Amino acid sequence: MQLDVYRSCSRQEKREVLNAFWRSSSHPSSRINQAALQYGPFAAWCLFVVVLEVVPLLAVSINRGYVWSWLFGAFEAVALLSLWWSVVRLRALQSLSAH
């Protein structure tokens, strides 16, 4: 993954990149938008890995009837929702940059 624009951003710009990527109400500059486009696939892949990591924990806790299954289930739901939102935002940013 190419993250050269994102890596060259200052700390303040990286906050703007996160804002541009995760919030649909932001209107970033072209540099911030380009950095958000580079950050997006990285964020989505990281969330995908987190979703996969929780699956065995959830399966074991459900099979054994532990109270932890509720916690792992809630965490999995939040991770799946975050993954879905990251894909939605990435597609939105890609469609904006195509115009």
C-alpha atoms as a PDB file:
ATOM      1  CA  MET A   1       0.000   0.000   0.000  1.00  0.00           C
ATOM      2  CA  GLN A   2       1.222   3.396  -0.887  1.00  0.00           C
ATOM      3  CA  LEU A   3       1.137   5.813   2.030  1.00  0.00           C
ATOM      4  CA  ASP A   4       3.650   8.455   0.909  1.00  0.00           C
ATOM      5  CA  VAL A   5       1.247  11.422   1.059  1.00  0.00           C
ATOM      6  CA  TYR A   6      -0.177  10.273   4.401  1.00  0.00           C
ATOM      7  CA  ARG A   7       3.297   9.792   5.891  1.00  0.00           C
ATOM      8  CA  SER A   8       4.390  13.249   4.765  1.00  0.00           C
ATOM      9  CA  CYS A   9       1.489  14.889   6.610  1.00  0.00           C
ATOM     10  CA  SER A  10       2.025  16.774   9.835  1.00  0.00           C
ATOM     11  CA  ARG A  11       0.261  15.737  13.025  1.00  0.00           C
ATOM     12  CA  GLN A  12      -2.499  18.290  12.473  1.00  0.00           C
ATOM     13  CA  GLU A  13      -2.942  17.162   8.866  1.00  0.00           C
ATOM     14  CA  LYS A  14      -3.202  13.530   9.988  1.00  0.00           C
ATOM     15  CA  ARG A  15      -6.074  14.544  12.269  1.00  0.00           C
ATOM     16  CA  GLU A  16      -7.708  16.175   9.260  1.00  0.00           C
ATOM     17  CA  VAL A  17      -7.128  12.978   7.252  1.00  0.00           C
ATOM     18  CA  LEU A  18      -8.893  10.934   9.932  1.00  0.00           C
ATOM     19  CA  ASN A  19     -11.723  13.447   9.984  1.00  0.00           C
ATOM     20  CA  ALA A  20     -11.990  13.352   6.191  1.00  0.00           C
ATOM     21  CA  PHE A  21     -11.992   9.576   6.112  1.00  0.00           C
ATOM     22  CA  TRP A  22     -14.337   8.721   8.979  1.00  0.00           C
ATOM     23  CA  ARG A  23     -16.824  11.612   8.735  1.00  0.00           C
ATOM     24  CA  SER A  24     -19.040  12.254   5.754  1.00  0.00           C
ATOM     25  CA  SER A  25     -19.576  15.901   6.688  1.00  0.00           C
ATOM     26  CA  SER A  26     -15.976  17.033   6.103  1.00  0.00           C
ATOM     27  CA  HIS A  27     -14.760  18.912   3.030  1.00  0.00           C
ATOM     28  CA  PRO A  28     -10.994  18.337   2.867  1.00  0.00           C
ATOM     29  CA  SER A  29      -8.385  19.926   0.655  1.00  0.00           C
ATOM     30  CA  SER A  30      -7.029  17.898  -2.251  1.00  0.00           C
ATOM     31  CA  ARG A  31      -3.886  16.914  -0.308  1.00  0.00           C
ATOM     32  CA  ILE A  32      -5.915  15.736   2.699  1.00  0.00           C
ATOM     33  CA  ASN A  33      -8.302  13.906   0.377  1.00  0.00           C
ATOM     34  CA  GLN A  34      -5.397  12.157  -1.350  1.00  0.00           C
ATOM     35  CA  ALA A  35      -3.926  11.151   2.014  1.00  0.00           C
ATOM     36  CA  ALA A  36      -7.344   9.863   3.122  1.00  0.00           C
ATOM     37  CA  LEU A  37      -7.548   7.798  -0.055  1.00  0.00           C
ATOM     38  CA  GLN A  38      -4.187   6.251   0.823  1.00  0.00           C
ATOM     39  CA  TYR A  39      -5.202   5.695   4.455  1.00  0.00           C
ATOM     40  CA  GLY A  40      -8.568   4.106   3.578  1.00  0.00           C
ATOM     41  CA  PRO A  41      -7.457   0.691   2.292  1.00  0.00           C
ATOM     42  CA  PHE A  42      -5.015   0.364   5.196  1.00  0.00           C
ATOM     43  CA  ALA A  43      -7.795   1.093   7.701  1.00  0.00           C
ATOM     44  CA  ALA A  44     -10.195  -1.340   6.016  1.00  0.00           C
ATOM     45  CA  TRP A  45      -7.633  -4.158   5.962  1.00  0.00           C
ATOM     46  CA  CYS A  46      -6.749  -3.586   9.620  1.00  0.00           C
ATOM     47  CA  LEU A  47     -10.413  -3.738  10.591  1.00  0.00           C
ATOM     48  CA  PHE A  48     -10.863  -6.891   8.509  1.00  0.00           C
ATOM     49  CA  VAL A  49      -8.042  -8.533  10.460  1.00  0.00           C
ATOM     50  CA  VAL A  50      -9.610  -7.463  13.761  1.00  0.00           C
ATOM     51  CA  VAL A  51     -12.934  -8.991  12.674  1.00  0.00           C
ATOM     52  CA  LEU A  52     -11.179 -12.266  11.812  1.00  0.00           C
ATOM     53  CA  GLU A  53      -9.253 -12.310  15.100  1.00  0.00           C
ATOM     54  CA  VAL A  54     -12.406 -12.101  17.187  1.00  0.00           C
ATOM     55  CA  VAL A  55     -14.192 -14.984  15.404  1.00  0.00           C
ATOM     56  CA  PRO A  56     -12.292 -17.814  17.196  1.00  0.00           C
ATOM     57  CA  LEU A  57     -12.724 -16.094  20.562  1.00  0.00           C
ATOM     58  CA  LEU A  58     -16.425 -15.724  19.947  1.00  0.00           C
ATOM     59  CA  ALA A  59     -16.780 -19.337  18.787  1.00  0.00           C
ATOM     60  CA  VAL A  60     -14.983 -20.754  21.827  1.00  0.00           C
ATOM     61  CA  SER A  61     -16.854 -18.563  24.286  1.00  0.00           C
ATOM     62  CA  ILE A  62     -20.244 -19.465  22.784  1.00  0.00           C
ATOM     63  CA  ASN A  63     -19.448 -23.208  22.800  1.00  0.00           C
ATOM     64  CA  ARG A  64     -18.409 -23.077  26.439  1.00  0.00           C
ATOM     65  CA  GLY A  65     -21.219 -20.774  27.537  1.00  0.00           C
ATOM     66  CA  TYR A  66     -18.991 -18.148  29.042  1.00  0.00           C
ATOM     67  CA  VAL A  67     -20.269 -14.729  29.975  1.00  0.00           C
ATOM     68  CA  TRP A  68     -17.449 -13.417  27.787  1.00  0.00           C
ATOM     69  CA  SER A  69     -19.465 -14.386  24.713  1.00  0.00           C
ATOM     70  CA  TRP A  70     -21.614 -11.265  25.176  1.00  0.00           C
ATOM     71  CA  LEU A  71     -18.534  -9.087  25.336  1.00  0.00           C
ATOM     72  CA  PHE A  72     -16.923 -10.721  22.295  1.00  0.00           C
ATOM     73  CA  GLY A  73     -20.240 -10.561  20.432  1.00  0.00           C
ATOM     74  CA  ALA A  74     -20.565  -6.844  21.117  1.00  0.00           C
ATOM     75  CA  PHE A  75     -16.955  -6.248  20.101  1.00  0.00           C
ATOM     76  CA  GLU A  76     -17.489  -8.226  16.881  1.00  0.00           C
ATOM     77  CA  ALA A  77     -20.597  -6.180  16.086  1.00  0.00           C
ATOM     78  CA  VAL A  78     -18.695  -2.911  16.583  1.00  0.00           C
ATOM     79  CA  ALA A  79     -15.789  -4.194  14.479  1.00  0.00           C
ATOM     80  CA  LEU A  80     -18.131  -5.267  11.664  1.00  0.00           C
ATOM     81  CA  LEU A  81     -19.927  -1.926  11.763  1.00  0.00           C
ATOM     82  CA  SER A  82     -16.588  -0.099  11.622  1.00  0.00           C
ATOM     83  CA  LEU A  83     -15.432  -2.264   8.714  1.00  0.00           C
ATOM     84  CA  TRP A  84     -18.652  -1.560   6.841  1.00  0.00           C
ATOM     85  CA  TRP A  85     -18.323   2.209   7.457  1.00  0.00           C
ATOM     86  CA  SER A  86     -14.683   2.219   6.330  1.00  0.00           C
ATOM     87  CA  VAL A  87     -15.665   0.575   3.037  1.00  0.00           C
ATOM     88  CA  VAL A  88     -18.551   3.027   2.572  1.00  0.00           C
ATOM     89  CA  ARG A  89     -16.292   6.028   3.229  1.00  0.00           C
ATOM     90  CA  LEU A  90     -13.513   4.676   0.998  1.00  0.00           C
ATOM     91  CA  ARG A  91     -15.941   4.280  -1.896  1.00  0.00           C
ATOM     92  CA  ALA A  92     -17.328   7.764  -1.280  1.00  0.00           C
ATOM     93  CA  LEU A  93     -13.857   9.293  -1.299  1.00  0.00           C
ATOM     94  CA  GLN A  94     -12.948   7.376  -4.447  1.00  0.00           C
ATOM     95  CA  SER A  95     -16.075   8.601  -6.219  1.00  0.00           C
ATOM     96  CA  LEU A  96     -15.316  12.201  -5.167  1.00  0.00           C
ATOM     97  CA  SER A  97     -11.760  11.978  -6.458  1.00  0.00           C
ATOM     98  CA  ALA A  98     -12.949  10.533  -9.782  1.00  0.00           C
ATOM     99  CA  HIS A  99     -14.990  13.646 -10.523  1.00  0.00           C
END
